[in-house]
Amino acid sequence: MGIELLSPAGNIEKLRTAFNYGADAAYMGMTEFSLRKNAGNFSEKEIEEVKEIKRLSGKKIYCTMNILFHQNQIEKVMNMKDEISAWPFDAFIISDIGLVPFLQKNFPERELHLSTQASCINSESVRMYRDMGFKRVILGREASLDDIKRIRDRVPDIELEAFVHGAMCMAYSGRCLLSAHLAGRSGNQGDCSHTCRWNYKLHYALEEEERKGLYFPIEEEDGYTTILSSKDLCMIDHVKELEDAGLSSLKIEGRMKSVYYVAVVTRAYRKAIDNAPDADSYKRDIFDVSHREFTTGFFFSDGPIDEKDVSRPTSYGYERNYIFLGTVRDKVAENIYALDIRNQIKGDGLEFIGPDIPLLKGDVTLLDGDMNETSQLDHGKPGYIKTALPLRKGYIMRRLTEGSPIIK
């Protein structure tokens, strides 16, 4: 097997989507001990469903237990051996070293992966974690490609993983107290309020004393701007360089993001890893799913966030050119498919994408829950579509946002 593609699974639907759209593995959180506390995560009642998804796919599932544990939390997890053992996890992603003896004693057959939250970015630390029993280190996002190569050369007998796409944090490897300070919600406890992305008003010009003439890029809307918000990471044009540096796994951020995001980003990286001849057709969609301006992060330098081009320029703030409408479910009759509806659907401008279909468009008739023709379908209500398009279960329905710059 070549390099692993690891995708986010914030809930059951995203887990299925990640696997359907090309991920080799997915990472998910238990309800209480994950740094994405509000991602939905997974509860005990879903264990059998997760087991079945894993059995049918033959793919790996990693459990994120990467919060920094307070005393009451570490005591609680020590009493959860039976509950944890019921899950079909292949590995635990942790940052709190106090968990190591408990996990090694009770789950010796499951791997330990060091979370990026541990800020591991040098070979001596990697060697130490290897000696403690870790099979994989998820490097801090501050590690450059050169750092990764040197770590791989010095510690060749451990797997290295890195985030290659998605939101980045203003703090060092995500160790941030801003949310706790301003909102009383700790990012280190999985309850980040994303205060770095809030809108702020400037009363004076923002210029650093030792860097005269260098200003924060600011675009104000209604008098406010997001000066603390970092750019989003995107390494879609550099997959071969990541592999050559010695990474074992490419990780996509986004357990709190939509099913649509998981689908289009996962399949774009799948095609890039496989060097598919039509990879560019799939890559295009990652520029149209909701994101901030893209950057290559620290991979090409260890100084300021790198400005290396990411194939297509984007603007400050969020961009989103498509609206996720829902997912195709079972085929219930000839040319008729049930839908899982997520946004209001009207008959014009509907598009479909699939794991190996960059785009499908054609005539579509909307049917309500009683199979009668209708002009719109609404979230929370049953609905169907009738079409001659070769749809399959799991395909995603979307439409362009109003005013989108995309020309069809």
Protein backbone atom coordinates (compact mmCIF):
# COMPACT_ATOMS: atom_id res chain seq x y z
CA MET A 1 0.00 0.00 0.00
CA GLY A 2 1.22 3.50 -0.81
CA ILE A 3 0.72 6.64 1.20
CA GLU A 4 -2.45 6.68 3.30
CA LEU A 5 -5.24 9.21 2.79
CA LEU A 6 -6.86 10.01 6.15
CA SER A 7 -10.18 11.86 6.21
CA PRO A 8 -12.34 13.40 8.95
CA ALA A 9 -15.47 11.65 10.24
CA GLY A 10 -17.49 13.91 12.52
CA ASN A 11 -20.49 11.55 12.43
CA ILE A 12 -21.76 8.34 10.81
CA GLU A 13 -22.68 10.01 7.53
CA LYS A 14 -19.26 11.62 7.19
CA LEU A 15 -17.59 8.29 7.98
CA ARG A 16 -19.47 6.61 5.13
CA THR A 17 -18.74 9.54 2.84
CA ALA A 18 -15.02 9.53 3.62
CA PHE A 19 -14.74 5.85 2.72
CA ASN A 20 -17.01 6.09 -0.33
CA TYR A 21 -15.02 9.02 -1.73
CA GLY A 22 -11.59 7.44 -1.43
CA ALA A 23 -10.16 7.65 2.09
CA ASP A 24 -8.00 4.74 3.25
CA ALA A 25 -8.77 5.57 6.87
CA ALA A 26 -10.89 7.95 8.90
CA TYR A 27 -10.49 9.56 12.30
CA MET A 28 -13.42 10.01 14.66
CA GLY A 29 -13.97 11.15 18.23
CA MET A 30 -15.71 9.68 21.19
CA THR A 31 -18.19 12.16 22.61
CA GLU A 32 -16.17 13.40 25.58
CA PHE A 33 -12.47 13.16 24.85
CA SER A 34 -11.96 14.68 21.40
CA LEU A 35 -10.66 18.11 20.40
CA ARG A 36 -13.73 18.52 18.20
CA LYS A 37 -16.26 18.24 20.98
CA ASN A 38 -18.99 19.87 18.87
CA ALA A 39 -18.43 17.82 15.72
CA GLY A 40 -21.31 15.46 16.53
CA ASN A 41 -18.89 12.62 17.23
CA PHE A 42 -20.10 9.12 18.04
CA SER A 43 -22.12 7.67 20.88
CA GLU A 44 -22.34 4.15 22.27
CA LYS A 45 -25.56 3.39 20.37
CA GLU A 46 -23.66 3.69 17.06
CA ILE A 47 -21.02 1.05 17.81
CA GLU A 48 -22.63 -1.72 15.74
CA GLU A 49 -23.18 0.61 12.79
CA VAL A 50 -19.54 1.71 12.84
CA LYS A 51 -18.43 -1.93 13.03
CA GLU A 52 -20.49 -2.77 9.96
CA ILE A 53 -19.09 0.18 7.99
CA LYS A 54 -15.58 -0.93 8.87
CA ARG A 55 -16.30 -4.57 7.97
CA LEU A 56 -17.77 -3.71 4.57
CA SER A 57 -15.05 -1.20 3.68
CA GLY A 58 -12.05 -3.05 5.07
CA LYS A 59 -10.60 0.34 6.02
CA LYS A 60 -9.11 1.70 9.22
CA ILE A 61 -10.68 3.86 11.92
CA TYR A 62 -8.66 5.92 14.38
CA CYS A 63 -10.05 7.27 17.64
CA THR A 64 -9.14 10.82 18.65
CA MET A 65 -8.68 11.11 22.42
CA ASN A 66 -6.49 14.16 22.08
CA ILE A 67 -7.73 16.63 24.67
CA LEU A 68 -5.47 17.64 27.56
CA PHE A 69 -7.02 15.68 30.44
CA HIS A 70 -7.96 17.28 33.75
CA GLN A 71 -7.87 15.07 36.85
CA ASN A 72 -11.57 14.19 36.81
CA GLN A 73 -11.35 13.34 33.10
CA ILE A 74 -8.36 11.02 33.43
CA GLU A 75 -10.10 9.24 36.29
CA LYS A 76 -13.23 8.83 34.20
CA VAL A 77 -11.46 7.41 31.14
CA MET A 78 -9.62 4.88 33.32
CA ASN A 79 -13.02 3.41 34.18
CA MET A 80 -14.14 3.14 30.55
CA LYS A 81 -12.13 0.09 29.47
CA ASP A 82 -15.18 -1.97 28.46
CA GLU A 83 -16.83 0.86 26.55
CA ILE A 84 -13.66 1.71 24.64
CA SER A 85 -12.92 -1.94 23.82
CA ALA A 86 -16.34 -2.29 22.16
CA TRP A 87 -15.33 0.13 19.38
CA PRO A 88 -13.49 -1.20 16.29
CA PHE A 89 -10.59 1.21 16.59
CA ASP A 90 -7.26 0.46 14.92
CA ALA A 91 -5.43 3.20 16.80
CA PHE A 92 -5.78 5.91 19.44
CA ILE A 93 -4.68 9.46 18.67
CA ILE A 94 -3.52 11.04 21.93
CA SER A 95 -1.53 14.04 23.14
CA ASP A 96 -1.68 13.44 26.92
CA ILE A 97 1.11 11.01 27.79
CA GLY A 98 -0.70 10.00 30.98
CA LEU A 99 -2.93 7.80 28.79
CA VAL A 100 -0.06 5.67 27.51
CA PRO A 101 0.14 3.06 30.35
CA PHE A 102 -3.65 2.63 30.41
CA LEU A 103 -3.95 2.14 26.65
CA GLN A 104 -0.91 -0.12 26.35
CA LYS A 105 -2.07 -2.36 29.19
CA ASN A 106 -5.69 -2.70 28.11
CA PHE A 107 -5.44 -2.43 24.32
CA PRO A 108 -2.02 -3.83 23.36
CA GLU A 109 -3.21 -4.81 19.88
CA ARG A 110 -4.16 -1.24 18.95
CA GLU A 111 -1.67 1.36 17.79
CA LEU A 112 -0.78 4.62 19.50
CA HIS A 113 -0.59 7.72 17.30
CA LEU A 114 0.78 10.94 18.75
CA SER A 115 -1.53 13.90 18.13
CA THR A 116 -0.32 17.06 16.42
CA GLN A 117 -1.38 18.71 19.70
CA ALA A 118 1.84 17.36 21.22
CA SER A 119 3.85 19.72 18.97
CA CYS A 120 6.38 17.10 17.90
CA ILE A 121 8.60 18.61 15.17
CA ASN A 122 12.10 17.15 15.63
CA SER A 123 13.77 13.75 15.35
CA GLU A 124 14.82 13.49 19.01
CA SER A 125 11.22 13.87 20.16
CA VAL A 126 10.03 11.43 17.50
CA ARG A 127 12.62 8.88 18.64
CA MET A 128 11.49 9.29 22.25
CA TYR A 129 7.85 8.71 21.36
CA ARG A 130 8.81 5.67 19.27
CA ASP A 131 10.63 4.23 22.27
CA MET A 132 7.50 4.82 24.38
CA GLY A 133 5.53 2.59 22.00
CA PHE A 134 4.02 5.01 19.49
CA LYS A 135 3.59 3.59 15.99
CA ARG A 136 2.96 6.98 14.36
CA VAL A 137 3.65 10.66 15.03
CA ILE A 138 1.33 13.32 13.63
CA LEU A 139 3.78 16.13 13.24
CA GLY A 140 3.10 19.67 14.35
CA ARG A 141 1.94 21.87 11.47
CA GLU A 142 5.07 23.97 11.89
CA ALA A 143 7.24 21.19 10.37
CA SER A 144 8.60 21.96 6.91
CA LEU A 145 9.22 19.43 4.12
CA ASP A 146 12.92 19.64 4.91
CA ASP A 147 12.20 18.94 8.60
CA ILE A 148 10.13 15.90 7.61
CA LYS A 149 12.90 14.51 5.39
CA ARG A 150 15.49 14.89 8.13
CA ILE A 151 13.22 13.30 10.74
CA ARG A 152 12.51 10.39 8.37
CA ASP A 153 16.24 9.86 7.76
CA ARG A 154 17.04 9.86 11.47
CA VAL A 155 14.07 7.78 12.66
CA PRO A 156 13.08 5.54 9.73
CA ASP A 157 11.16 2.96 11.79
CA ILE A 158 8.14 5.09 12.69
CA GLU A 159 5.24 6.37 10.61
CA LEU A 160 4.92 10.12 10.07
CA GLU A 161 1.63 11.87 9.38
CA ALA A 162 0.84 15.51 8.62
CA PHE A 163 -2.18 17.69 7.99
CA VAL A 164 -2.25 18.69 4.33
CA HIS A 165 -5.61 20.42 3.92
CA GLY A 166 -8.05 22.48 5.95
CA ALA A 167 -8.20 25.04 8.71
CA MET A 168 -5.05 26.07 10.52
CA CYS A 169 -4.75 27.53 14.00
CA MET A 170 -3.14 30.83 14.98
CA ALA A 171 -1.60 29.12 18.00
CA TYR A 172 1.34 26.72 18.09
CA SER A 173 0.00 23.32 16.99
CA GLY A 174 -3.42 24.33 18.25
CA ARG A 175 -2.38 25.10 21.83
CA CYS A 176 -4.54 28.17 22.25
CA LEU A 177 -6.10 29.97 25.22
CA LEU A 178 -7.85 32.73 23.26
CA SER A 179 -11.21 30.94 23.20
CA ALA A 180 -11.02 30.17 26.93
CA HIS A 181 -10.11 33.79 27.66
CA LEU A 182 -12.82 35.45 25.54
CA ALA A 183 -15.61 32.87 25.56
CA GLY A 184 -14.97 30.59 28.53
CA ARG A 185 -14.64 27.64 26.15
CA SER A 186 -11.32 25.82 26.03
CA GLY A 187 -9.87 24.70 22.70
CA ASN A 188 -7.71 22.24 24.64
CA GLN A 189 -10.89 20.60 25.93
CA GLY A 190 -12.48 20.25 22.49
CA ASP A 191 -14.80 23.24 22.88
CA CYS A 192 -13.08 25.96 20.82
CA SER A 193 -15.36 28.87 19.86
CA HIS A 194 -12.99 29.86 17.02
CA THR A 195 -12.42 33.32 18.44
CA CYS A 196 -9.55 33.84 15.98
CA ARG A 197 -12.14 33.85 13.20
CA TRP A 198 -14.44 36.41 14.83
CA ASN A 199 -14.86 39.87 13.39
CA TYR A 200 -12.94 42.67 15.11
CA LYS A 201 -12.99 46.44 14.71
CA LEU A 202 -9.73 48.32 14.36
CA HIS A 203 -9.39 51.77 15.89
CA TYR A 204 -5.76 52.29 14.81
CA ALA A 205 -3.61 51.16 11.90
CA LEU A 206 -2.01 47.72 12.46
CA GLU A 207 1.73 47.82 11.89
CA GLU A 208 4.48 45.91 13.73
CA GLU A 209 7.20 48.18 15.12
CA GLU A 210 10.19 46.32 13.63
CA ARG A 211 8.55 45.78 10.26
CA LYS A 212 7.74 49.24 9.00
CA GLY A 213 5.36 49.30 6.08
CA LEU A 214 4.20 45.70 6.61
CA TYR A 215 0.48 45.65 7.36
CA PHE A 216 -2.08 42.95 8.01
CA PRO A 217 -4.19 42.45 4.88
CA ILE A 218 -7.53 43.90 5.95
CA GLU A 219 -10.88 43.93 4.22
CA GLU A 220 -13.65 45.43 6.31
CA GLU A 221 -17.31 44.60 6.06
CA ASP A 222 -19.76 46.65 8.11
CA GLY A 223 -16.80 48.08 9.99
CA TYR A 224 -15.34 44.73 11.16
CA THR A 225 -12.56 42.46 9.93
CA THR A 226 -11.07 39.03 10.73
CA ILE A 227 -7.46 40.06 11.42
CA LEU A 228 -6.74 37.00 13.60
CA SER A 229 -8.09 34.39 11.18
CA SER A 230 -5.45 32.17 9.60
CA LYS A 231 -5.52 31.02 6.00
CA ASP A 232 -6.53 27.46 5.10
CA LEU A 233 -3.94 24.85 4.23
CA CYS A 234 -3.98 23.31 0.74
CA MET A 235 -1.26 20.97 -0.55
CA ILE A 236 -3.21 19.46 -3.46
CA ASP A 237 -0.48 20.53 -5.92
CA HIS A 238 2.32 19.01 -3.86
CA VAL A 239 1.24 15.45 -3.05
CA LYS A 240 4.34 13.92 -4.66
CA GLU A 241 6.61 16.21 -2.64
CA LEU A 242 4.82 15.19 0.56
CA GLU A 243 5.28 11.52 -0.28
CA ASP A 244 8.94 12.00 -1.23
CA ALA A 245 9.55 13.75 2.10
CA GLY A 246 8.70 10.49 3.88
CA LEU A 247 5.14 10.89 5.09
CA SER A 248 3.09 7.73 5.62
CA SER A 249 -0.27 9.49 5.87
CA LEU A 250 -1.84 12.68 4.49
CA LYS A 251 -4.49 14.06 6.82
CA ILE A 252 -7.46 16.25 5.92
CA GLU A 253 -8.83 18.56 8.61
CA GLY A 254 -12.58 19.02 8.98
CA ARG A 255 -14.62 16.89 11.40
CA MET A 256 -16.93 19.87 11.95
CA LYS A 257 -17.34 20.57 8.25
CA SER A 258 -20.06 19.34 5.92
CA VAL A 259 -20.55 16.01 4.19
CA TYR A 260 -20.01 17.89 0.92
CA TYR A 261 -16.62 19.16 2.10
CA VAL A 262 -15.55 15.65 3.15
CA ALA A 263 -16.61 14.27 -0.24
CA VAL A 264 -15.00 16.78 -2.60
CA VAL A 265 -11.75 17.22 -0.66
CA THR A 266 -11.26 13.49 -0.08
CA ARG A 267 -11.83 12.54 -3.71
CA ALA A 268 -9.55 15.36 -4.96
CA TYR A 269 -6.65 14.08 -2.85
CA ARG A 270 -7.48 10.48 -3.78
CA LYS A 271 -7.15 11.34 -7.48
CA ALA A 272 -3.97 13.31 -6.82
CA ILE A 273 -2.38 10.44 -4.86
CA ASP A 274 -3.37 7.97 -7.60
CA ASN A 275 -2.06 10.37 -10.26
CA ALA A 276 -5.35 9.92 -12.12
CA PRO A 277 -5.37 11.38 -15.65
CA ASP A 278 -8.50 13.39 -14.85
CA ALA A 279 -7.29 14.57 -11.41
CA ASP A 280 -7.69 18.24 -12.34
CA SER A 281 -11.42 17.74 -12.89
CA TYR A 282 -11.76 16.72 -9.24
CA LYS A 283 -9.27 19.25 -7.87
CA ARG A 284 -11.37 22.11 -9.19
CA ASP A 285 -14.12 21.50 -6.63
CA ILE A 286 -11.91 22.14 -3.59
CA PHE A 287 -11.72 25.79 -4.63
CA ASP A 288 -15.51 26.02 -4.63
CA VAL A 289 -16.31 24.38 -1.30
CA SER A 290 -16.36 26.78 1.67
CA HIS A 291 -12.82 27.85 2.56
CA ARG A 292 -10.58 30.77 3.41
CA GLU A 293 -7.68 31.89 1.27
CA PHE A 294 -5.38 28.93 0.63
CA THR A 295 -1.74 28.64 1.58
CA THR A 296 0.91 25.91 1.67
CA GLY A 297 1.51 26.67 5.32
CA PHE A 298 5.01 26.05 6.67
CA PHE A 299 5.91 23.18 4.34
CA PHE A 300 8.20 25.29 2.16
CA SER A 301 9.63 27.55 4.88
CA ASP A 302 9.91 27.82 8.65
CA GLY A 303 9.27 31.57 8.69
CA PRO A 304 5.99 33.36 8.06
CA ILE A 305 3.09 31.44 6.54
CA ASP A 306 4.26 30.62 3.04
CA GLU A 307 2.78 32.41 0.03
CA LYS A 308 3.57 29.69 -2.51
CA ASP A 309 0.85 29.65 -5.17
CA VAL A 310 -1.96 27.12 -4.74
CA SER A 311 -2.97 26.71 -8.38
CA ARG A 312 -5.68 29.35 -8.24
CA PRO A 313 -5.78 32.61 -6.26
CA THR A 314 -8.49 33.09 -3.66
CA SER A 315 -9.63 36.11 -1.70
CA TYR A 316 -9.64 36.93 1.99
CA GLY A 317 -12.59 35.66 4.00
CA TYR A 318 -14.76 32.71 3.11
CA GLU A 319 -15.43 31.52 -0.41
CA ARG A 320 -18.28 29.19 -1.25
CA ASN A 321 -19.54 28.75 -4.79
CA TYR A 322 -21.79 25.73 -4.26
CA ILE A 323 -24.64 24.89 -1.90
CA PHE A 324 -24.87 21.30 -0.69
CA LEU A 325 -28.47 20.18 -1.26
CA GLY A 326 -28.46 16.57 -0.17
CA THR A 327 -27.40 13.02 -0.87
CA VAL A 328 -28.85 10.40 -3.18
CA ARG A 329 -30.18 7.41 -1.27
CA ASP A 330 -31.77 4.19 -2.53
CA LYS A 331 -33.16 3.67 -6.00
CA VAL A 332 -36.85 2.99 -5.30
CA ALA A 333 -38.13 2.55 -8.87
CA GLU A 334 -36.89 2.89 -12.43
CA ASN A 335 -35.15 6.30 -12.66
CA ILE A 336 -36.51 7.32 -9.22
CA TYR A 337 -34.24 7.89 -6.22
CA ALA A 338 -34.89 8.77 -2.59
CA LEU A 339 -33.03 11.78 -1.21
CA ASP A 340 -31.56 12.85 2.10
CA ILE A 341 -32.46 16.56 1.78
CA ARG A 342 -30.23 19.14 3.51
CA ASN A 343 -31.24 22.42 1.83
CA GLN A 344 -34.21 23.56 -0.19
CA ILE A 345 -34.14 22.00 -3.66
CA LYS A 346 -35.67 23.61 -6.73
CA GLY A 347 -35.62 22.17 -10.23
CA ASP A 348 -33.15 24.41 -12.04
CA GLY A 349 -29.36 24.17 -12.06
CA LEU A 350 -29.04 20.88 -10.17
CA GLU A 351 -25.73 19.03 -10.35
CA PHE A 352 -24.51 15.67 -9.06
CA ILE A 353 -21.04 14.44 -8.14
CA GLY A 354 -19.79 10.97 -7.22
CA PRO A 355 -16.55 9.29 -6.14
CA ASP A 356 -15.54 8.72 -9.78
CA ILE A 357 -17.89 11.16 -11.51
CA PRO A 358 -16.65 14.77 -11.53
CA LEU A 359 -20.01 16.17 -12.61
CA LEU A 360 -23.44 15.08 -13.87
CA LYS A 361 -26.13 17.43 -15.14
CA GLY A 362 -29.43 16.78 -16.89
CA ASP A 363 -33.19 16.88 -16.63
CA VAL A 364 -34.52 16.23 -13.13
CA THR A 365 -38.12 16.03 -11.88
CA LEU A 366 -38.79 16.64 -8.19
CA LEU A 367 -41.27 14.37 -6.43
CA ASP A 368 -42.72 14.89 -2.96
CA GLY A 369 -43.19 12.20 -0.34
CA ASP A 370 -46.31 10.93 -2.11
CA MET A 371 -44.45 10.70 -5.45
CA ASN A 372 -46.29 13.71 -6.89
CA GLU A 373 -44.44 16.26 -9.00
CA THR A 374 -43.51 19.40 -7.07
CA SER A 375 -41.59 22.62 -7.64
CA GLN A 376 -39.43 22.33 -4.51
CA LEU A 377 -38.31 19.97 -1.78
CA ASP A 378 -37.50 21.09 1.76
CA HIS A 379 -35.11 19.91 4.44
CA GLY A 380 -36.73 17.61 6.98
CA LYS A 381 -39.36 16.30 4.58
CA PRO A 382 -39.28 13.18 2.39
CA GLY A 383 -38.56 13.68 -1.29
CA TYR A 384 -37.50 11.93 -4.46
CA ILE A 385 -36.10 12.77 -7.87
CA LYS A 386 -36.85 11.26 -11.25
CA THR A 387 -34.05 11.38 -13.79
CA ALA A 388 -32.38 9.34 -16.51
CA LEU A 389 -28.95 10.32 -15.16
CA PRO A 390 -26.89 7.27 -14.02
CA LEU A 391 -27.03 8.08 -10.33
CA ARG A 392 -25.84 5.84 -7.53
CA LYS A 393 -26.38 5.76 -3.80
CA GLY A 394 -24.04 8.24 -2.10
CA TYR A 395 -23.90 10.74 -4.95
CA ILE A 396 -24.18 14.34 -3.79
CA MET A 397 -26.60 16.96 -5.14
CA ARG A 398 -25.59 20.62 -5.29
CA ARG A 399 -26.27 23.91 -7.05
CA LEU A 400 -24.30 27.09 -7.64
CA THR A 401 -24.71 29.91 -5.18
CA GLU A 402 -26.30 33.07 -6.51
CA GLY A 403 -23.66 35.41 -7.92
CA SER A 404 -21.08 32.61 -8.16
CA PRO A 405 -18.19 33.56 -10.49
CA ILE A 406 -18.09 30.04 -11.93
CA ILE A 407 -18.99 29.99 -15.61
CA LYS A 408 -20.68 26.83 -16.78
